[in-house]
Structures are given as structure tokens and as C-alpha cells.
Amino acid sequence: MSELLLEVDDEALAEAAKLLGTKTKKDTVNMALVEVAKRRGRAIALAKLREWGARGDFDLLLDKRNYRG
């Protein structure tokens, strides 16, 4: 884990702590970083799914005979 000295917006930090349910500044910052990384990862995955759908990659699933025995 890295040690980092930085200035943060106290109001934003307090709001994040309230939303995340964290008690300490350290926990709030770490949880916020994890949340951002997860959200960004999900957004990227969703964009890929949309691209595949627009390309028609899932069209064969529209007919159940294509995937059920």
C-alpha cells in the first residue's frame, strides 16, 4: 500500500463518506477508488456488449433451437 499526502475537498470527502458508509478518511478514499474502478470496468464491459449486440453477435440466440438441445 502506498502512503500519499494530498489535499482533498472536505465537503466531497464528507459526502463520499456518507454515501459509502465509511468512518475514516482513509477508508473513504480507498473505498471510493475501488468503487470508481469497478464502475469503470462495468461501463467498459457494457460498451463491449452493446457493440457486440449492434454487430449482431447475439442474433442466433433469438431462436431457441440454436442453443437448446
Protein backbone atom coordinates (compact mmCIF):
# COMPACT_ATOMS: atom_id res chain seq x y z
CA MET A 1 0.00 0.00 0.00
CA SER A 2 1.27 3.46 -0.86
CA GLU A 3 1.45 6.35 1.53
CA LEU A 4 0.28 9.59 -0.04
CA LEU A 5 -0.10 13.11 1.27
CA LEU A 6 -2.68 15.14 -0.62
CA GLU A 7 -5.28 17.83 -0.21
CA VAL A 8 -8.91 16.86 -0.72
CA ASP A 9 -12.20 18.73 -0.83
CA ASP A 10 -13.62 18.31 2.68
CA GLU A 11 -17.23 18.59 1.53
CA ALA A 12 -16.75 16.00 -1.21
CA LEU A 13 -14.97 13.71 1.24
CA ALA A 14 -17.78 14.05 3.77
CA GLU A 15 -20.43 13.36 1.12
CA ALA A 16 -18.50 10.32 -0.12
CA ALA A 17 -18.15 9.00 3.44
CA LYS A 18 -21.89 9.41 3.95
CA LEU A 19 -22.73 7.62 0.71
CA LEU A 20 -20.19 4.85 1.23
CA GLY A 21 -20.86 4.41 4.95
CA THR A 22 -17.20 4.76 5.86
CA LYS A 23 -15.87 6.12 9.16
CA THR A 24 -12.34 7.29 8.36
CA LYS A 25 -10.85 9.46 5.63
CA LYS A 26 -8.53 6.63 4.65
CA ASP A 27 -11.40 4.15 4.31
CA THR A 28 -13.44 6.69 2.34
CA VAL A 29 -10.67 7.39 -0.16
CA ASN A 30 -9.83 3.71 -0.58
CA MET A 31 -13.48 2.68 -0.97
CA ALA A 32 -14.08 5.49 -3.46
CA LEU A 33 -11.12 4.34 -5.55
CA VAL A 34 -12.42 0.77 -5.56
CA GLU A 35 -15.92 1.95 -6.49
CA VAL A 36 -14.62 4.06 -9.38
CA ALA A 37 -12.51 1.18 -10.71
CA LYS A 38 -15.44 -1.26 -10.52
CA ARG A 39 -17.88 1.20 -12.11
CA ARG A 40 -15.47 1.98 -14.94
CA GLY A 41 -14.88 -1.73 -15.51
CA ARG A 42 -18.62 -2.36 -15.72
CA ALA A 43 -19.07 0.58 -18.11
CA ILE A 44 -16.36 -0.80 -20.41
CA ALA A 45 -17.92 -4.29 -20.31
CA LEU A 46 -21.37 -2.85 -21.08
CA ALA A 47 -19.98 -0.87 -24.01
CA LYS A 48 -18.46 -4.07 -25.43
CA LEU A 49 -21.78 -5.92 -25.04
CA ARG A 50 -23.60 -3.10 -26.81
CA GLU A 51 -21.05 -3.19 -29.63
CA TRP A 52 -21.45 -6.95 -30.00
CA GLY A 53 -25.24 -6.61 -29.94
CA ALA A 54 -25.22 -3.89 -32.58
CA ARG A 55 -22.97 -6.08 -34.71
CA GLY A 56 -25.48 -8.94 -34.41
CA ASP A 57 -23.28 -11.32 -32.46
CA PHE A 58 -26.22 -12.48 -30.32
CA ASP A 59 -28.80 -12.81 -33.09
CA LEU A 60 -28.54 -16.59 -33.21
CA LEU A 61 -29.86 -16.63 -29.62
CA LEU A 62 -33.17 -15.20 -30.79
CA ASP A 63 -34.15 -18.70 -31.95
CA LYS A 64 -34.15 -21.20 -29.06
CA ARG A 65 -33.39 -24.05 -31.44
CA ASN A 66 -29.89 -22.64 -31.85
CA TYR A 67 -28.92 -23.19 -28.24
CA ARG A 68 -31.29 -25.82 -26.81
CA GLY A 69 -30.93 -29.49 -27.49
